[in-house]
Amino acid sequence: MPDLNFRPIWRYQDQLVEGVLTTLLLTAVATIAGLVIGIAGAVLIRSGPKPVRWLLRIYIEIIRNTPVLVQIFIIYFVLPSFGLKMTPIQAACVALSIYFGAYAIEIIRSGLDSIPKSQIEAGMCLGITRMQVLRHVILPPALRNIYPSVTSQFVLLLLGTSIASQVSADELFHVAGFIDSRTYRSFEVYTLICLIYFGLVISFKLAFAALGRLAFRWPVRR
């Protein structure tokens, strides 16, 4: 058992805070952009032109079946050859957004598909508009159905932001490597980093659980 000494690490608390904030920024940007991709993609897969549906299917299969590390390397190291140069943070945001979007499309599509056609037809029979059917009949149960999957994918995305360290983005894991190279206290550094990630994940899980109870309080027929 090594002789634990966390004191040298506390000198870098400002860098740790910045690393946490950058990690949260990457997660927030990728989540928002990915959900926009997911909503648009799910709608187009269900009702878009056939060529668009095929292109979306190809996009989903490529992104979901290749490592996100390769994807971020392509964006950061390959695209500059074509005149698209990005900073590490920008490249990480783009890569993680594309990655999250591919999963979001499938999650949202499955939520929309989970609504019985008879329920949609019943809403149409009430004489309300299509937008009202979407808002009041389709979206509430669809959102409840996909909520656990979306929040789980958010947690995976939060943990996956550590990949951004490979292109020198100053997120939490990259900061950990910097502190380790200065203090040579690897055990303490990465133990602390694990605890920070664990604290972030548990905090978000508790927040999502509370939000889910507030947002989806109506009873479910069994």
Protein backbone atom coordinates (compact mmCIF):
# COMPACT_ATOMS: atom_id res chain seq x y z
CA MET A 1 0.00 0.00 0.00
CA PRO A 2 1.61 3.29 -1.04
CA ASP A 3 2.13 6.09 1.45
CA LEU A 4 -0.79 8.35 0.55
CA ASN A 5 -0.15 12.05 0.33
CA PHE A 6 -2.77 14.27 -1.29
CA ARG A 7 -1.18 17.56 -0.24
CA PRO A 8 0.86 18.09 -3.43
CA ILE A 9 -2.33 17.70 -5.47
CA TRP A 10 -4.23 20.50 -3.72
CA ARG A 11 -1.81 23.04 -5.19
CA TYR A 12 -3.51 22.32 -8.51
CA GLN A 13 -7.07 22.75 -7.31
CA ASP A 14 -7.68 25.61 -9.76
CA GLN A 15 -6.70 23.36 -12.67
CA LEU A 16 -9.00 20.64 -11.30
CA VAL A 17 -11.92 23.05 -11.16
CA GLU A 18 -11.20 24.19 -14.72
CA GLY A 19 -10.99 20.56 -15.81
CA VAL A 20 -14.39 19.79 -14.26
CA LEU A 21 -15.93 22.86 -15.91
CA THR A 22 -14.48 21.89 -19.30
CA THR A 23 -15.82 18.36 -18.88
CA LEU A 24 -19.27 19.72 -18.09
CA LEU A 25 -19.05 22.14 -21.04
CA LEU A 26 -18.18 19.31 -23.44
CA THR A 27 -21.02 17.22 -22.05
CA ALA A 28 -23.56 20.04 -22.27
CA VAL A 29 -22.64 21.07 -25.82
CA ALA A 30 -22.58 17.48 -27.08
CA THR A 31 -25.90 16.72 -25.37
CA ILE A 32 -27.71 19.74 -26.82
CA ALA A 33 -26.27 19.31 -30.31
CA GLY A 34 -26.77 15.55 -30.17
CA LEU A 35 -30.42 15.90 -29.17
CA VAL A 36 -31.00 18.32 -32.06
CA ILE A 37 -29.43 15.75 -34.40
CA GLY A 38 -31.45 13.00 -32.74
CA ILE A 39 -34.82 14.75 -33.05
CA ALA A 40 -34.24 15.79 -36.67
CA GLY A 41 -32.84 12.40 -37.60
CA ALA A 42 -35.65 10.44 -35.93
CA VAL A 43 -38.29 12.50 -37.75
CA LEU A 44 -36.53 12.12 -41.11
CA ILE A 45 -36.05 8.37 -40.65
CA ARG A 46 -39.77 7.99 -40.02
CA SER A 47 -41.10 10.29 -42.73
CA GLY A 48 -38.24 11.67 -44.82
CA PRO A 49 -37.31 10.84 -48.43
CA LYS A 50 -35.80 7.43 -48.99
CA PRO A 51 -32.28 8.69 -49.89
CA VAL A 52 -32.20 10.73 -46.68
CA ARG A 53 -33.29 7.71 -44.66
CA TRP A 54 -30.50 5.64 -46.20
CA LEU A 55 -27.90 8.33 -45.49
CA LEU A 56 -29.03 8.53 -41.87
CA ARG A 57 -28.83 4.76 -41.54
CA ILE A 58 -25.29 4.78 -42.91
CA TYR A 59 -24.35 7.59 -40.49
CA ILE A 60 -25.80 5.70 -37.52
CA GLU A 61 -24.06 2.44 -38.40
CA ILE A 62 -20.68 4.07 -39.02
CA ILE A 63 -20.71 6.11 -35.81
CA ARG A 64 -22.07 3.36 -33.57
CA ASN A 65 -19.68 0.72 -34.91
CA THR A 66 -16.40 2.62 -34.86
CA PRO A 67 -14.42 3.84 -31.82
CA VAL A 68 -15.13 7.42 -30.81
CA LEU A 69 -11.36 7.84 -30.38
CA VAL A 70 -10.89 7.22 -34.12
CA GLN A 71 -13.68 9.68 -34.88
CA ILE A 72 -12.12 12.46 -32.81
CA PHE A 73 -8.71 11.78 -34.38
CA ILE A 74 -10.20 12.10 -37.86
CA ILE A 75 -11.82 15.41 -36.96
CA TYR A 76 -8.75 16.85 -35.25
CA PHE A 77 -5.89 15.43 -37.35
CA VAL A 78 -7.38 14.60 -40.77
CA LEU A 79 -9.87 17.41 -41.45
CA PRO A 80 -7.16 20.15 -41.27
CA SER A 81 -5.77 18.60 -44.48
CA PHE A 82 -9.03 19.70 -46.11
CA GLY A 83 -8.93 23.18 -44.60
CA LEU A 84 -11.10 22.46 -41.54
CA LYS A 85 -8.81 23.15 -38.61
CA MET A 86 -10.28 23.16 -35.11
CA THR A 87 -9.05 23.72 -31.59
CA PRO A 88 -8.98 20.65 -29.31
CA ILE A 89 -12.19 21.78 -27.56
CA GLN A 90 -13.98 22.41 -30.85
CA ALA A 91 -12.91 19.06 -32.26
CA ALA A 92 -14.02 17.29 -29.10
CA CYS A 93 -17.41 19.04 -29.16
CA VAL A 94 -18.00 18.10 -32.79
CA ALA A 95 -16.91 14.49 -32.33
CA LEU A 96 -18.94 13.94 -29.17
CA SER A 97 -21.99 15.67 -30.68
CA ILE A 98 -21.89 13.42 -33.74
CA TYR A 99 -21.37 10.40 -31.50
CA PHE A 100 -24.23 11.27 -29.16
CA GLY A 101 -26.48 12.20 -32.09
CA ALA A 102 -26.22 8.75 -33.64
CA TYR A 103 -27.44 7.12 -30.43
CA ALA A 104 -30.05 9.84 -29.85
CA ILE A 105 -31.63 9.17 -33.24
CA GLU A 106 -32.23 5.53 -32.38
CA ILE A 107 -33.44 6.32 -28.86
CA ILE A 108 -35.90 8.98 -30.00
CA ARG A 109 -37.09 6.91 -32.95
CA SER A 110 -37.80 3.97 -30.66
CA GLY A 111 -39.75 6.29 -28.35
CA LEU A 112 -41.90 7.54 -31.21
CA ASP A 113 -42.42 3.99 -32.47
CA SER A 114 -43.54 2.89 -29.00
CA ILE A 115 -46.75 4.92 -29.27
CA PRO A 116 -49.57 2.73 -30.64
CA LYS A 117 -51.12 3.91 -33.89
CA SER A 118 -54.55 3.51 -32.31
CA GLN A 119 -53.61 6.14 -29.72
CA ILE A 120 -52.56 8.57 -32.47
CA GLU A 121 -55.75 7.84 -34.44
CA ALA A 122 -57.81 8.46 -31.32
CA GLY A 123 -56.19 11.86 -30.95
CA MET A 124 -56.92 12.69 -34.59
CA CYS A 125 -60.57 11.71 -34.09
CA LEU A 126 -60.89 14.44 -31.46
CA GLY A 127 -60.56 17.02 -34.21
CA ILE A 128 -57.30 18.54 -32.98
CA THR A 129 -54.44 19.51 -35.29
CA ARG A 130 -51.41 17.34 -36.03
CA MET A 131 -49.21 19.59 -33.93
CA GLN A 132 -51.61 19.22 -30.99
CA VAL A 133 -51.58 15.45 -31.46
CA LEU A 134 -47.80 15.52 -31.44
CA ARG A 135 -47.66 17.75 -28.37
CA HIS A 136 -50.39 16.19 -26.25
CA VAL A 137 -50.73 12.60 -27.47
CA ILE A 138 -47.35 11.46 -28.81
CA LEU A 139 -44.63 13.42 -27.01
CA PRO A 140 -45.60 12.95 -23.31
CA PRO A 141 -45.60 9.12 -23.32
CA ALA A 142 -42.73 8.98 -25.83
CA LEU A 143 -40.57 11.20 -23.61
CA ARG A 144 -41.34 9.07 -20.58
CA ASN A 145 -40.41 5.93 -22.52
CA ILE A 146 -37.05 7.25 -23.66
CA TYR A 147 -36.15 9.23 -20.53
CA PRO A 148 -34.14 6.41 -18.84
CA SER A 149 -32.22 5.71 -22.06
CA VAL A 150 -31.43 9.37 -22.69
CA THR A 151 -30.20 9.94 -19.14
CA SER A 152 -28.09 6.76 -19.26
CA GLN A 153 -26.56 7.88 -22.54
CA PHE A 154 -25.86 11.28 -20.96
CA VAL A 155 -23.90 9.58 -18.18
CA LEU A 156 -21.91 7.56 -20.72
CA LEU A 157 -21.21 10.77 -22.63
CA LEU A 158 -20.02 12.49 -19.46
CA LEU A 159 -17.57 9.67 -18.79
CA GLY A 160 -16.62 9.51 -22.46
CA THR A 161 -15.40 13.11 -22.48
CA SER A 162 -12.11 11.71 -21.14
CA ILE A 163 -11.41 10.72 -24.76
CA ALA A 164 -10.91 14.43 -25.49
CA SER A 165 -7.66 14.28 -23.52
CA GLN A 166 -6.10 12.46 -26.48
CA VAL A 167 -6.25 15.67 -28.54
CA SER A 168 -5.06 17.81 -25.59
CA ALA A 169 -8.45 19.24 -24.64
CA ASP A 170 -8.14 20.55 -21.08
CA GLU A 171 -10.87 18.39 -19.58
CA LEU A 172 -10.63 16.56 -16.26
CA PHE A 173 -8.63 13.52 -17.38
CA HIS A 174 -6.13 15.66 -19.27
CA VAL A 175 -5.66 17.79 -16.14
CA ALA A 176 -5.06 14.57 -14.17
CA GLY A 177 -2.22 13.63 -16.52
CA PHE A 178 -0.71 17.10 -16.13
CA ILE A 179 -0.85 16.94 -12.32
CA ASP A 180 0.58 13.42 -12.32
CA SER A 181 3.53 14.58 -14.44
CA ARG A 182 4.26 17.32 -11.92
CA THR A 183 3.70 15.49 -8.62
CA TYR A 184 4.50 11.84 -9.49
CA ARG A 185 1.63 10.84 -7.19
CA SER A 186 -0.23 8.68 -9.69
CA PHE A 187 -2.25 6.71 -7.15
CA GLU A 188 -3.54 9.80 -5.38
CA VAL A 189 -4.20 11.74 -8.61
CA TYR A 190 -6.23 9.07 -10.32
CA THR A 191 -8.02 8.08 -7.13
CA LEU A 192 -9.14 11.69 -6.76
CA ILE A 193 -10.16 11.86 -10.43
CA CYS A 194 -12.22 8.68 -10.05
CA LEU A 195 -13.96 10.17 -7.03
CA ILE A 196 -14.73 13.37 -8.95
CA TYR A 197 -16.20 11.44 -11.88
CA PHE A 198 -18.16 9.27 -9.45
CA GLY A 199 -19.50 12.35 -7.65
CA LEU A 200 -20.54 13.97 -10.93
CA VAL A 201 -22.32 10.84 -12.13
CA ILE A 202 -24.16 10.25 -8.84
CA SER A 203 -25.19 13.92 -8.68
CA PHE A 204 -26.64 13.81 -12.19
CA LYS A 205 -28.37 10.49 -11.56
CA LEU A 206 -30.07 11.87 -8.45
CA ALA A 207 -31.04 15.05 -10.31
CA PHE A 208 -32.43 13.06 -13.24
CA ALA A 209 -34.37 10.76 -10.90
CA ALA A 210 -35.95 13.74 -9.14
CA LEU A 211 -36.71 15.45 -12.46
CA GLY A 212 -38.26 12.27 -13.83
CA ARG A 213 -40.56 11.94 -10.83
CA LEU A 214 -41.71 15.54 -11.27
CA ALA A 215 -42.12 15.43 -15.04
CA PHE A 216 -43.80 12.03 -15.39
CA ARG A 217 -46.15 11.80 -12.42
CA TRP A 218 -49.20 10.47 -14.23
CA PRO A 219 -49.99 6.78 -13.66
CA VAL A 220 -49.03 4.05 -16.12
CA ARG A 221 -51.62 1.45 -17.09
CA ARG A 222 -50.44 -2.07 -16.28
